[in-house]
């Protein structure tokens, strides 16, 4: 194994499986190593091209191996799977990673810095807290309904519901005590969410590109922050459509024999990022439908006449994604006419 064309691949779990090939792509190494032994192995190895299947710990490992002088590339698991010949084991996976890396059209995942991972952790913590709050509020509503106490939709109604439960004489003392305990948990969750969102807003204000993205209708500070944190280098995408396809906002293609058939959106990519953009588009449409939205363009109004609102929201999210890519790739500021409306096809 040398630096003149040798390629070393590994698939990492508790035990790391190594599969190496030379410049002629002939296997020269098959080995299993534990983590400590693997690090010693790579420290002594001459500079080598290394491919790793992208996962939670792969970015830290990539940074560590890069510090040893190696060239590290991360490959998304779904791009490795077609190269697994048969069966499922570590050796077959490592060989498949090796084969995938050698393809000239292969797309690689950029290695994240520790700071980027910390920012993404902020997003993940916020999502987990919101999911926990949703489960808790649903439980509170369900228990309250058993005693005939109903509240309108929305988390802001929960505090009033808990106050009603606390003063209701129809609710037994034991139930009131349990509701009080859940109310305390709800308030603690809300405080944690507020703290995390304050940190997210602080990060957004410190990032110039994120501030520009927030100017796009339907994006806002949280959507802009997510776009910056979760999007790899914009120059990796050839166009705005490729970017929206990476996000899963373009229709599935079922074409064959010269016949074009488009299905529902692929839902590929990051689910949180996609859902935030669709939620922002839905909020934008809500204002347009009641007649007080400044973004009520002829294209959008005509689309609302022909298509269901949820489908239109996805089309608007598709358009938002394309505009966001344009701003990130060029450094421009948002202009209402910067992307032709016909580009956001349904």
C-alpha atoms as a PDB file:
ATOM      1  CA  UNK A   1       0.000   0.000   0.000  1.00  0.00           C
ATOM      2  CA  UNK A   2       1.589   3.238  -1.166  1.00  0.00           C
ATOM      3  CA  UNK A   3       0.510   6.737  -2.139  1.00  0.00           C
ATOM      4  CA  UNK A   4       0.942   6.054  -5.885  1.00  0.00           C
ATOM      5  CA  UNK A   5      -2.569   4.816  -6.495  1.00  0.00           C
ATOM      6  CA  UNK A   6      -3.286   2.544  -3.578  1.00  0.00           C
ATOM      7  CA  UNK A   7      -6.808   2.834  -2.178  1.00  0.00           C
ATOM      8  CA  UNK A   8      -7.846   1.678   1.279  1.00  0.00           C
ATOM      9  CA  UNK A   9     -11.505   1.225   2.199  1.00  0.00           C
ATOM     10  CA  UNK A  10     -13.153   0.447   5.508  1.00  0.00           C
ATOM     11  CA  UNK A  11     -16.587  -0.160   6.945  1.00  0.00           C
ATOM     12  CA  UNK A  12     -16.730   0.816  10.595  1.00  0.00           C
ATOM     13  CA  UNK A  13     -18.672  -0.789  13.433  1.00  0.00           C
ATOM     14  CA  UNK A  14     -17.356  -2.022  16.785  1.00  0.00           C
ATOM     15  CA  UNK A  15     -14.757  -3.893  14.758  1.00  0.00           C
ATOM     16  CA  UNK A  16     -13.456  -2.196  11.620  1.00  0.00           C
ATOM     17  CA  UNK A  17     -13.316  -4.158   8.360  1.00  0.00           C
ATOM     18  CA  UNK A  18     -10.592  -3.052   5.950  1.00  0.00           C
ATOM     19  CA  UNK A  19     -10.531  -3.824   2.241  1.00  0.00           C
ATOM     20  CA  UNK A  20      -7.644  -2.460   0.166  1.00  0.00           C
ATOM     21  CA  UNK A  21      -6.890  -2.437  -3.531  1.00  0.00           C
ATOM     22  CA  UNK A  22      -3.894  -1.224  -5.518  1.00  0.00           C
ATOM     23  CA  UNK A  23      -3.768   1.120  -8.517  1.00  0.00           C
ATOM     24  CA  UNK A  24      -4.956  -1.717 -10.762  1.00  0.00           C
ATOM     25  CA  UNK A  25      -7.941  -2.285  -8.421  1.00  0.00           C
ATOM     26  CA  UNK A  26      -6.648  -5.699  -7.378  1.00  0.00           C
ATOM     27  CA  UNK A  27      -7.319  -6.687  -3.726  1.00  0.00           C
ATOM     28  CA  UNK A  28      -4.187  -6.417  -1.575  1.00  0.00           C
ATOM     29  CA  UNK A  29      -5.645  -6.191   1.912  1.00  0.00           C
ATOM     30  CA  UNK A  30      -8.492  -7.826   3.832  1.00  0.00           C
ATOM     31  CA  UNK A  31      -8.338  -7.374   7.566  1.00  0.00           C
ATOM     32  CA  UNK A  32     -10.415  -6.838  10.712  1.00  0.00           C
ATOM     33  CA  UNK A  33      -9.080  -4.491  13.397  1.00  0.00           C
ATOM     34  CA  UNK A  34     -10.349  -3.075  16.655  1.00  0.00           C
ATOM     35  CA  UNK A  35     -10.396   0.695  16.980  1.00  0.00           C
ATOM     36  CA  UNK A  36      -7.099   1.140  18.847  1.00  0.00           C
ATOM     37  CA  UNK A  37      -5.281  -1.237  16.511  1.00  0.00           C
ATOM     38  CA  UNK A  38      -6.804   0.485  13.488  1.00  0.00           C
ATOM     39  CA  UNK A  39      -5.533   3.909  14.560  1.00  0.00           C
ATOM     40  CA  UNK A  40      -2.017   2.550  15.001  1.00  0.00           C
ATOM     41  CA  UNK A  41      -2.293   0.953  11.548  1.00  0.00           C
ATOM     42  CA  UNK A  42      -3.282   4.227   9.870  1.00  0.00           C
ATOM     43  CA  UNK A  43      -0.706   6.305  11.678  1.00  0.00           C
ATOM     44  CA  UNK A  44       2.036   4.127  10.167  1.00  0.00           C
ATOM     45  CA  UNK A  45       0.419   3.871   6.710  1.00  0.00           C
ATOM     46  CA  UNK A  46       1.709   6.176   3.916  1.00  0.00           C
ATOM     47  CA  UNK A  47      -0.818   8.771   2.613  1.00  0.00           C
ATOM     48  CA  UNK A  48      -3.687   6.790   1.093  1.00  0.00           C
ATOM     49  CA  UNK A  49      -7.162   7.391  -0.327  1.00  0.00           C
ATOM     50  CA  UNK A  50      -9.755   6.119   2.153  1.00  0.00           C
ATOM     51  CA  UNK A  51     -13.516   5.738   1.703  1.00  0.00           C
ATOM     52  CA  UNK A  52     -15.939   5.384   4.599  1.00  0.00           C
ATOM     53  CA  UNK A  53     -19.671   4.811   4.533  1.00  0.00           C
ATOM     54  CA  UNK A  54     -21.250   7.997   5.894  1.00  0.00           C
ATOM     55  CA  UNK A  55     -22.773   7.604   9.346  1.00  0.00           C
ATOM     56  CA  UNK A  56     -22.935   9.392  12.688  1.00  0.00           C
ATOM     57  CA  UNK A  57     -19.321   8.766  13.699  1.00  0.00           C
ATOM     58  CA  UNK A  58     -17.798   8.873  10.210  1.00  0.00           C
ATOM     59  CA  UNK A  59     -17.098  12.632  10.220  1.00  0.00           C
ATOM     60  CA  UNK A  60     -15.012  12.445  13.397  1.00  0.00           C
ATOM     61  CA  UNK A  61     -13.124   9.465  12.000  1.00  0.00           C
ATOM     62  CA  UNK A  62     -12.589  11.280   8.695  1.00  0.00           C
ATOM     63  CA  UNK A  63     -11.127  14.323  10.479  1.00  0.00           C
ATOM     64  CA  UNK A  64      -8.828  12.067  12.498  1.00  0.00           C
ATOM     65  CA  UNK A  65      -7.590  10.157   9.447  1.00  0.00           C
ATOM     66  CA  UNK A  66      -7.095  13.397   7.531  1.00  0.00           C
ATOM     67  CA  UNK A  67      -4.796  14.607  10.321  1.00  0.00           C
ATOM     68  CA  UNK A  68      -2.613  11.542   9.557  1.00  0.00           C
ATOM     69  CA  UNK A  69      -2.209  12.788   5.978  1.00  0.00           C
ATOM     70  CA  UNK A  70      -4.769  10.542   4.268  1.00  0.00           C
ATOM     71  CA  UNK A  71      -7.395  11.618   1.728  1.00  0.00           C
ATOM     72  CA  UNK A  72     -10.796  10.646   3.151  1.00  0.00           C
ATOM     73  CA  UNK A  73     -14.068  10.433   1.218  1.00  0.00           C
ATOM     74  CA  UNK A  74     -17.500   9.681   2.659  1.00  0.00           C
ATOM     75  CA  UNK A  75     -20.117   7.825   0.615  1.00  0.00           C
ATOM     76  CA  UNK A  76     -23.849   7.767   1.390  1.00  0.00           C
ATOM     77  CA  UNK A  77     -25.047   4.225   2.274  1.00  0.00           C
ATOM     78  CA  UNK A  78     -27.723   4.207  -0.440  1.00  0.00           C
ATOM     79  CA  UNK A  79     -25.008   4.769  -3.077  1.00  0.00           C
ATOM     80  CA  UNK A  80     -22.967   1.834  -1.760  1.00  0.00           C
ATOM     81  CA  UNK A  81     -25.787  -0.724  -1.640  1.00  0.00           C
ATOM     82  CA  UNK A  82     -25.945  -1.392  -5.443  1.00  0.00           C
ATOM     83  CA  UNK A  83     -22.319  -2.548  -5.341  1.00  0.00           C
ATOM     84  CA  UNK A  84     -22.861  -5.270  -2.713  1.00  0.00           C
ATOM     85  CA  UNK A  85     -22.579  -8.442  -4.822  1.00  0.00           C
ATOM     86  CA  UNK A  86     -24.435 -10.893  -2.605  1.00  0.00           C
ATOM     87  CA  UNK A  87     -25.108 -11.436   1.073  1.00  0.00           C
ATOM     88  CA  UNK A  88     -24.698  -9.013   3.940  1.00  0.00           C
ATOM     89  CA  UNK A  89     -21.526  -8.978   5.994  1.00  0.00           C
ATOM     90  CA  UNK A  90     -18.735  -6.547   6.845  1.00  0.00           C
ATOM     91  CA  UNK A  91     -16.321  -7.894   4.242  1.00  0.00           C
ATOM     92  CA  UNK A  92     -18.896  -7.587   1.439  1.00  0.00           C
ATOM     93  CA  UNK A  93     -19.804  -4.074   2.581  1.00  0.00           C
ATOM     94  CA  UNK A  94     -16.161  -2.963   2.665  1.00  0.00           C
ATOM     95  CA  UNK A  95     -15.577  -4.358  -0.823  1.00  0.00           C
ATOM     96  CA  UNK A  96     -18.703  -2.563  -2.059  1.00  0.00           C
ATOM     97  CA  UNK A  97     -17.448   0.741  -0.635  1.00  0.00           C
ATOM     98  CA  UNK A  98     -14.185   0.153  -2.475  1.00  0.00           C
ATOM     99  CA  UNK A  99     -16.029  -0.489  -5.746  1.00  0.00           C
ATOM    100  CA  UNK A 100     -18.317   2.523  -5.295  1.00  0.00           C
ATOM    101  CA  UNK A 101     -15.410   4.873  -4.616  1.00  0.00           C
ATOM    102  CA  UNK A 102     -13.742   3.963  -7.920  1.00  0.00           C
ATOM    103  CA  UNK A 103     -16.725   5.049 -10.023  1.00  0.00           C
ATOM    104  CA  UNK A 104     -16.038   8.332 -11.873  1.00  0.00           C
ATOM    105  CA  UNK A 105     -19.579   9.652 -11.339  1.00  0.00           C
ATOM    106  CA  UNK A 106     -19.763   8.819  -7.616  1.00  0.00           C
ATOM    107  CA  UNK A 107     -21.007  11.608  -5.332  1.00  0.00           C
ATOM    108  CA  UNK A 108     -19.314  12.064  -1.964  1.00  0.00           C
ATOM    109  CA  UNK A 109     -20.507  13.559   1.316  1.00  0.00           C
ATOM    110  CA  UNK A 110     -18.415  16.569   2.455  1.00  0.00           C
ATOM    111  CA  UNK A 111     -16.685  16.003   5.798  1.00  0.00           C
ATOM    112  CA  UNK A 112     -18.240  18.183   8.507  1.00  0.00           C
ATOM    113  CA  UNK A 113     -16.203  20.175  10.987  1.00  0.00           C
ATOM    114  CA  UNK A 114     -16.754  19.803  14.721  1.00  0.00           C
ATOM    115  CA  UNK A 115     -18.460  23.220  14.726  1.00  0.00           C
ATOM    116  CA  UNK A 116     -20.880  22.128  11.989  1.00  0.00           C
ATOM    117  CA  UNK A 117     -21.723  18.994  13.944  1.00  0.00           C
ATOM    118  CA  UNK A 118     -22.365  21.066  17.065  1.00  0.00           C
ATOM    119  CA  UNK A 119     -24.779  23.272  15.104  1.00  0.00           C
ATOM    120  CA  UNK A 120     -26.580  20.193  13.774  1.00  0.00           C
ATOM    121  CA  UNK A 121     -26.787  18.854  17.314  1.00  0.00           C
ATOM    122  CA  UNK A 122     -28.631  22.059  18.223  1.00  0.00           C
ATOM    123  CA  UNK A 123     -31.203  21.296  15.529  1.00  0.00           C
ATOM    124  CA  UNK A 124     -31.551  17.657  16.598  1.00  0.00           C
ATOM    125  CA  UNK A 125     -32.029  18.585  20.252  1.00  0.00           C
ATOM    126  CA  UNK A 126     -34.748  21.082  19.289  1.00  0.00           C
ATOM    127  CA  UNK A 127     -36.534  18.463  17.174  1.00  0.00           C
ATOM    128  CA  UNK A 128     -36.407  15.905  19.983  1.00  0.00           C
ATOM    129  CA  UNK A 129     -37.771  18.402  22.531  1.00  0.00           C
ATOM    130  CA  UNK A 130     -40.622  19.400  20.211  1.00  0.00           C
ATOM    131  CA  UNK A 131     -41.525  15.739  19.612  1.00  0.00           C
ATOM    132  CA  UNK A 132     -41.524  15.137  23.365  1.00  0.00           C
ATOM    133  CA  UNK A 133     -43.722  18.193  23.909  1.00  0.00           C
ATOM    134  CA  UNK A 134     -46.154  17.002  21.250  1.00  0.00           C
ATOM    135  CA  UNK A 135     -46.468  13.589  22.878  1.00  0.00           C
ATOM    136  CA  UNK A 136     -46.988  15.206  26.281  1.00  0.00           C
ATOM    137  CA  UNK A 137     -49.650  17.653  25.068  1.00  0.00           C
ATOM    138  CA  UNK A 138     -51.503  14.836  23.309  1.00  0.00           C
ATOM    139  CA  UNK A 139     -51.459  12.839  26.541  1.00  0.00           C
ATOM    140  CA  UNK A 140     -52.740  15.819  28.557  1.00  0.00           C
ATOM    141  CA  UNK A 141     -55.567  16.395  26.057  1.00  0.00           C
ATOM    142  CA  UNK A 142     -56.508  12.730  26.104  1.00  0.00           C
ATOM    143  CA  UNK A 143     -56.594  12.499  29.897  1.00  0.00           C
ATOM    144  CA  UNK A 144     -58.548  15.767  30.174  1.00  0.00           C
ATOM    145  CA  UNK A 145     -61.112  14.548  27.619  1.00  0.00           C
ATOM    146  CA  UNK A 146     -61.811  11.558  29.865  1.00  0.00           C
ATOM    147  CA  UNK A 147     -63.129  14.054  32.431  1.00  0.00           C
ATOM    148  CA  UNK A 148     -65.122  16.064  29.880  1.00  0.00           C
ATOM    149  CA  UNK A 149     -62.583  18.901  29.529  1.00  0.00           C
ATOM    150  CA  UNK A 150     -61.842  19.777  25.883  1.00  0.00           C
ATOM    151  CA  UNK A 151     -59.406  22.402  24.583  1.00  0.00           C
ATOM    152  CA  UNK A 152     -58.930  23.970  21.171  1.00  0.00           C
ATOM    153  CA  UNK A 153     -55.972  22.925  19.024  1.00  0.00           C
ATOM    154  CA  UNK A 154     -52.539  24.446  19.572  1.00  0.00           C
ATOM    155  CA  UNK A 155     -49.900  24.207  22.288  1.00  0.00           C
ATOM    156  CA  UNK A 156     -50.837  27.655  23.584  1.00  0.00           C
ATOM    157  CA  UNK A 157     -54.160  26.172  24.759  1.00  0.00           C
ATOM    158  CA  UNK A 158     -52.507  23.657  27.072  1.00  0.00           C
ATOM    159  CA  UNK A 159     -51.782  26.091  29.903  1.00  0.00           C
ATOM    160  CA  UNK A 160     -55.424  27.215  29.985  1.00  0.00           C
ATOM    161  CA  UNK A 161     -56.540  23.575  29.936  1.00  0.00           C
ATOM    162  CA  UNK A 162     -54.307  22.748  32.904  1.00  0.00           C
ATOM    163  CA  UNK A 163     -55.705  25.747  34.801  1.00  0.00           C
ATOM    164  CA  UNK A 164     -59.249  24.492  34.153  1.00  0.00           C
ATOM    165  CA  UNK A 165     -58.318  21.030  35.395  1.00  0.00           C
ATOM    166  CA  UNK A 166     -56.759  22.453  38.570  1.00  0.00           C
ATOM    167  CA  UNK A 167     -59.967  24.303  39.498  1.00  0.00           C
ATOM    168  CA  UNK A 168     -62.499  21.715  38.329  1.00  0.00           C
ATOM    169  CA  UNK A 169     -64.416  19.985  41.098  1.00  0.00           C
ATOM    170  CA  UNK A 170     -65.359  17.148  38.704  1.00  0.00           C
ATOM    171  CA  UNK A 171     -61.727  15.980  38.540  1.00  0.00           C
ATOM    172  CA  UNK A 172     -60.603  13.743  41.446  1.00  0.00           C
ATOM    173  CA  UNK A 173     -57.733  14.938  43.635  1.00  0.00           C
ATOM    174  CA  UNK A 174     -55.454  12.143  42.417  1.00  0.00           C
ATOM    175  CA  UNK A 175     -56.010  13.137  38.780  1.00  0.00           C
ATOM    176  CA  UNK A 176     -55.418  16.828  39.600  1.00  0.00           C
ATOM    177  CA  UNK A 177     -52.100  15.873  41.198  1.00  0.00           C
ATOM    178  CA  UNK A 178     -51.052  13.932  38.096  1.00  0.00           C
ATOM    179  CA  UNK A 179     -52.137  16.783  35.813  1.00  0.00           C
ATOM    180  CA  UNK A 180     -50.045  19.188  37.927  1.00  0.00           C
ATOM    181  CA  UNK A 181     -47.033  16.908  37.492  1.00  0.00           C
ATOM    182  CA  UNK A 182     -47.529  16.853  33.723  1.00  0.00           C
ATOM    183  CA  UNK A 183     -47.984  20.617  33.722  1.00  0.00           C
ATOM    184  CA  UNK A 184     -44.630  21.011  35.472  1.00  0.00           C
ATOM    185  CA  UNK A 185     -43.013  18.744  32.865  1.00  0.00           C
ATOM    186  CA  UNK A 186     -44.643  20.754  30.079  1.00  0.00           C
ATOM    187  CA  UNK A 187     -43.290  24.047  31.426  1.00  0.00           C
ATOM    188  CA  UNK A 188     -39.796  22.594  31.767  1.00  0.00           C
ATOM    189  CA  UNK A 189     -39.908  21.358  28.178  1.00  0.00           C
ATOM    190  CA  UNK A 190     -41.074  24.757  26.969  1.00  0.00           C
ATOM    191  CA  UNK A 191     -38.214  26.466  28.808  1.00  0.00           C
ATOM    192  CA  UNK A 192     -35.703  24.081  27.222  1.00  0.00           C
ATOM    193  CA  UNK A 193     -37.177  24.697  23.762  1.00  0.00           C
ATOM    194  CA  UNK A 194     -36.974  28.457  24.310  1.00  0.00           C
ATOM    195  CA  UNK A 195     -33.318  28.159  25.329  1.00  0.00           C
ATOM    196  CA  UNK A 196     -32.429  26.059  22.295  1.00  0.00           C
ATOM    197  CA  UNK A 197     -34.307  28.365  19.926  1.00  0.00           C
ATOM    198  CA  UNK A 198     -32.514  31.367  21.452  1.00  0.00           C
ATOM    199  CA  UNK A 199     -29.181  29.688  20.645  1.00  0.00           C
ATOM    200  CA  UNK A 200     -30.465  28.906  17.145  1.00  0.00           C
ATOM    201  CA  UNK A 201     -31.472  32.546  16.647  1.00  0.00           C
ATOM    202  CA  UNK A 202     -28.044  33.636  17.881  1.00  0.00           C
ATOM    203  CA  UNK A 203     -26.385  31.324  15.356  1.00  0.00           C
ATOM    204  CA  UNK A 204     -28.675  32.675  12.610  1.00  0.00           C
ATOM    205  CA  UNK A 205     -27.842  36.315  13.359  1.00  0.00           C
ATOM    206  CA  UNK A 206     -24.110  35.558  13.255  1.00  0.00           C
ATOM    207  CA  UNK A 207     -24.316  33.912   9.822  1.00  0.00           C
ATOM    208  CA  UNK A 208     -24.530  36.315   6.880  1.00  0.00           C
ATOM    209  CA  UNK A 209     -25.838  33.754   4.376  1.00  0.00           C
ATOM    210  CA  UNK A 210     -28.501  32.562   6.808  1.00  0.00           C
ATOM    211  CA  UNK A 211     -29.748  36.137   7.170  1.00  0.00           C
ATOM    212  CA  UNK A 212     -30.035  36.410   3.377  1.00  0.00           C
ATOM    213  CA  UNK A 213     -31.946  33.127   3.150  1.00  0.00           C
ATOM    214  CA  UNK A 214     -34.426  34.323   5.789  1.00  0.00           C
ATOM    215  CA  UNK A 215     -35.539  37.058   3.340  1.00  0.00           C
ATOM    216  CA  UNK A 216     -37.141  34.400   1.118  1.00  0.00           C
ATOM    217  CA  UNK A 217     -40.932  34.291   1.758  1.00  0.00           C
ATOM    218  CA  UNK A 218     -41.842  31.165   3.713  1.00  0.00           C
ATOM    219  CA  UNK A 219     -38.341  30.481   5.076  1.00  0.00           C
ATOM    220  CA  UNK A 220     -37.794  32.503   8.250  1.00  0.00           C
ATOM    221  CA  UNK A 221     -34.854  32.273  10.698  1.00  0.00           C
ATOM    222  CA  UNK A 222     -35.297  28.584  11.588  1.00  0.00           C
ATOM    223  CA  UNK A 223     -35.693  27.476   7.976  1.00  0.00           C
ATOM    224  CA  UNK A 224     -32.680  29.564   6.957  1.00  0.00           C
ATOM    225  CA  UNK A 225     -30.565  28.105   9.758  1.00  0.00           C
ATOM    226  CA  UNK A 226     -31.535  24.555   8.792  1.00  0.00           C
ATOM    227  CA  UNK A 227     -30.693  25.220   5.142  1.00  0.00           C
ATOM    228  CA  UNK A 228     -27.228  26.435   6.125  1.00  0.00           C
ATOM    229  CA  UNK A 229     -26.541  23.660   8.617  1.00  0.00           C
ATOM    230  CA  UNK A 230     -27.818  20.678   6.645  1.00  0.00           C
ATOM    231  CA  UNK A 231     -26.875  21.627   3.084  1.00  0.00           C
ATOM    232  CA  UNK A 232     -23.479  20.420   1.815  1.00  0.00           C
ATOM    233  CA  UNK A 233     -21.398  22.766  -0.342  1.00  0.00           C
ATOM    234  CA  UNK A 234     -23.818  24.440  -2.837  1.00  0.00           C
ATOM    235  CA  UNK A 235     -21.284  24.047  -5.649  1.00  0.00           C
ATOM    236  CA  UNK A 236     -21.810  20.273  -5.486  1.00  0.00           C
ATOM    237  CA  UNK A 237     -25.199  20.805  -7.181  1.00  0.00           C
ATOM    238  CA  UNK A 238     -25.336  21.683 -10.851  1.00  0.00           C
ATOM    239  CA  UNK A 239     -28.704  23.463 -10.593  1.00  0.00           C
ATOM    240  CA  UNK A 240     -31.531  24.428  -8.291  1.00  0.00           C
ATOM    241  CA  UNK A 241     -33.553  21.458  -9.540  1.00  0.00           C
ATOM    242  CA  UNK A 242     -30.759  19.070  -8.562  1.00  0.00           C
ATOM    243  CA  UNK A 243     -30.749  20.673  -5.113  1.00  0.00           C
ATOM    244  CA  UNK A 244     -34.514  20.266  -4.687  1.00  0.00           C
ATOM    245  CA  UNK A 245     -34.206  16.669  -5.930  1.00  0.00           C
ATOM    246  CA  UNK A 246     -31.539  16.036  -3.263  1.00  0.00           C
ATOM    247  CA  UNK A 247     -34.050  17.326  -0.736  1.00  0.00           C
ATOM    248  CA  UNK A 248     -36.771  14.982  -2.037  1.00  0.00           C
ATOM    249  CA  UNK A 249     -39.111  17.676  -3.387  1.00  0.00           C
ATOM    250  CA  UNK A 250     -39.213  16.478  -6.999  1.00  0.00           C
ATOM    251  CA  UNK A 251     -41.600  13.807  -8.415  1.00  0.00           C
ATOM    252  CA  UNK A 252     -40.590  10.167  -8.693  1.00  0.00           C
ATOM    253  CA  UNK A 253     -39.794   9.105 -12.250  1.00  0.00           C
ATOM    254  CA  UNK A 254     -41.494   5.939 -13.554  1.00  0.00           C
ATOM    255  CA  UNK A 255     -40.731   6.502 -17.236  1.00  0.00           C
ATOM    256  CA  UNK A 256     -40.053   3.722 -19.723  1.00  0.00           C
ATOM    257  CA  UNK A 257     -40.493   3.014 -23.423  1.00  0.00           C
ATOM    258  CA  UNK A 258     -40.699   6.706 -24.229  1.00  0.00           C
ATOM    259  CA  UNK A 259     -43.638   7.221 -21.855  1.00  0.00           C
ATOM    260  CA  UNK A 260     -43.116   9.704 -19.039  1.00  0.00           C
ATOM    261  CA  UNK A 261     -44.874   8.994 -15.745  1.00  0.00           C
ATOM    262  CA  UNK A 262     -44.329  11.201 -12.715  1.00  0.00           C
ATOM    263  CA  UNK A 263     -45.415  10.129  -9.255  1.00  0.00           C
ATOM    264  CA  UNK A 264     -45.405  11.715  -5.808  1.00  0.00           C
ATOM    265  CA  UNK A 265     -42.308  13.407  -4.435  1.00  0.00           C
ATOM    266  CA  UNK A 266     -39.378  11.107  -3.691  1.00  0.00           C
ATOM    267  CA  UNK A 267     -38.995  12.197  -0.031  1.00  0.00           C
ATOM    268  CA  UNK A 268     -35.289  11.597  -0.319  1.00  0.00           C
ATOM    269  CA  UNK A 269     -32.793  13.600   1.709  1.00  0.00           C
ATOM    270  CA  UNK A 270     -33.291  15.155   5.116  1.00  0.00           C
ATOM    271  CA  UNK A 271     -36.845  14.818   6.442  1.00  0.00           C
ATOM    272  CA  UNK A 272     -36.568  17.677   8.964  1.00  0.00           C
ATOM    273  CA  UNK A 273     -35.303  20.172   6.378  1.00  0.00           C
ATOM    274  CA  UNK A 274     -37.963  19.170   3.862  1.00  0.00           C
ATOM    275  CA  UNK A 275     -40.786  19.357   6.413  1.00  0.00           C
ATOM    276  CA  UNK A 276     -39.694  22.820   7.589  1.00  0.00           C
ATOM    277  CA  UNK A 277     -39.771  24.158   4.022  1.00  0.00           C
ATOM    278  CA  UNK A 278     -43.195  22.605   3.380  1.00  0.00           C
ATOM    279  CA  UNK A 279     -44.484  24.057   6.666  1.00  0.00           C
ATOM    280  CA  UNK A 280     -43.170  27.491   5.664  1.00  0.00           C
ATOM    281  CA  UNK A 281     -44.839  27.181   2.256  1.00  0.00           C
ATOM    282  CA  UNK A 282     -48.107  26.155   3.960  1.00  0.00           C
ATOM    283  CA  UNK A 283     -47.995  29.247   6.181  1.00  0.00           C
ATOM    284  CA  UNK A 284     -47.362  31.420   3.121  1.00  0.00           C
ATOM    285  CA  UNK A 285     -50.343  29.865   1.321  1.00  0.00           C
ATOM    286  CA  UNK A 286     -52.578  30.427   4.349  1.00  0.00           C
ATOM    287  CA  UNK A 287     -52.066  34.193   4.007  1.00  0.00           C
ATOM    288  CA  UNK A 288     -52.576  34.053   0.231  1.00  0.00           C
ATOM    289  CA  UNK A 289     -55.844  32.112   0.531  1.00  0.00           C
ATOM    290  CA  UNK A 290     -57.389  34.637   2.961  1.00  0.00           C
ATOM    291  CA  UNK A 291     -56.454  37.466   0.632  1.00  0.00           C
ATOM    292  CA  UNK A 292     -53.844  39.329   2.656  1.00  0.00           C
ATOM    293  CA  UNK A 293     -50.663  37.780   1.245  1.00  0.00           C
ATOM    294  CA  UNK A 294     -48.294  40.015  -0.734  1.00  0.00           C
ATOM    295  CA  UNK A 295     -46.945  36.883  -2.453  1.00  0.00           C
ATOM    296  CA  UNK A 296     -50.237  36.166  -4.247  1.00  0.00           C
ATOM    297  CA  UNK A 297     -48.734  35.960  -7.743  1.00  0.00           C
ATOM    298  CA  UNK A 298     -50.885  35.023 -10.769  1.00  0.00           C
ATOM    299  CA  UNK A 299     -49.019  31.688 -11.013  1.00  0.00           C
ATOM    300  CA  UNK A 300     -49.795  30.843  -7.412  1.00  0.00           C
ATOM    301  CA  UNK A 301     -53.450  31.890  -7.592  1.00  0.00           C
ATOM    302  CA  UNK A 302     -53.983  29.879 -10.768  1.00  0.00           C
ATOM    303  CA  UNK A 303     -52.285  26.855  -9.207  1.00  0.00           C
ATOM    304  CA  UNK A 304     -54.541  27.041  -6.162  1.00  0.00           C
ATOM    305  CA  UNK A 305     -57.560  26.893  -8.466  1.00  0.00           C
ATOM    306  CA  UNK A 306     -56.350  23.712 -10.159  1.00  0.00           C
ATOM    307  CA  UNK A 307     -54.564  21.781  -7.422  1.00  0.00           C
ATOM    308  CA  UNK A 308     -55.173  20.805  -3.775  1.00  0.00           C
ATOM    309  CA  UNK A 309     -53.558  23.148  -1.208  1.00  0.00           C
ATOM    310  CA  UNK A 310     -51.136  20.502   0.116  1.00  0.00           C
ATOM    311  CA  UNK A 311     -49.857  19.770  -3.371  1.00  0.00           C
ATOM    312  CA  UNK A 312     -49.406  23.498  -4.005  1.00  0.00           C
ATOM    313  CA  UNK A 313     -47.476  23.791  -0.719  1.00  0.00           C
ATOM    314  CA  UNK A 314     -44.996  21.180  -1.965  1.00  0.00           C
ATOM    315  CA  UNK A 315     -44.643  23.046  -5.268  1.00  0.00           C
ATOM    316  CA  UNK A 316     -43.939  26.284  -3.379  1.00  0.00           C
ATOM    317  CA  UNK A 317     -41.419  24.477  -1.153  1.00  0.00           C
ATOM    318  CA  UNK A 318     -39.748  23.204  -4.333  1.00  0.00           C
ATOM    319  CA  UNK A 319     -39.478  26.772  -5.583  1.00  0.00           C
ATOM    320  CA  UNK A 320     -38.158  27.986  -2.219  1.00  0.00           C
ATOM    321  CA  UNK A 321     -35.435  25.313  -2.311  1.00  0.00           C
ATOM    322  CA  UNK A 322     -34.323  26.414  -5.784  1.00  0.00           C
ATOM    323  CA  UNK A 323     -34.187  30.058  -4.762  1.00  0.00           C
ATOM    324  CA  UNK A 324     -32.224  29.135  -1.621  1.00  0.00           C
ATOM    325  CA  UNK A 325     -29.664  27.234  -3.707  1.00  0.00           C
ATOM    326  CA  UNK A 326     -29.278  30.255  -5.978  1.00  0.00           C
ATOM    327  CA  UNK A 327     -28.633  32.561  -3.036  1.00  0.00           C
ATOM    328  CA  UNK A 328     -26.137  30.167  -1.443  1.00  0.00           C
ATOM    329  CA  UNK A 329     -24.278  29.510  -4.709  1.00  0.00           C
ATOM    330  CA  UNK A 330     -24.018  33.125  -5.896  1.00  0.00           C
ATOM    331  CA  UNK A 331     -24.090  35.207  -2.714  1.00  0.00           C
ATOM    332  CA  UNK A 332     -26.984  37.299  -4.054  1.00  0.00           C
ATOM    333  CA  UNK A 333     -29.861  38.724  -2.032  1.00  0.00           C
ATOM    334  CA  UNK A 334     -33.456  37.663  -2.570  1.00  0.00           C
ATOM    335  CA  UNK A 335     -35.415  39.382  -5.358  1.00  0.00           C
ATOM    336  CA  UNK A 336     -39.061  38.521  -5.985  1.00  0.00           C
ATOM    337  CA  UNK A 337     -38.437  37.857  -9.696  1.00  0.00           C
ATOM    338  CA  UNK A 338     -35.074  36.120  -9.459  1.00  0.00           C
ATOM    339  CA  UNK A 339     -36.441  32.613 -10.305  1.00  0.00           C
ATOM    340  CA  UNK A 340     -39.113  32.209 -13.047  1.00  0.00           C
ATOM    341  CA  UNK A 341     -42.330  30.898 -11.545  1.00  0.00           C
ATOM    342  CA  UNK A 342     -42.684  28.315 -14.314  1.00  0.00           C
ATOM    343  CA  UNK A 343     -39.586  26.537 -12.923  1.00  0.00           C
ATOM    344  CA  UNK A 344     -41.523  25.275  -9.907  1.00  0.00           C
ATOM    345  CA  UNK A 345     -43.464  22.614 -11.765  1.00  0.00           C
ATOM    346  CA  UNK A 346     -46.032  20.438 -10.030  1.00  0.00           C
END
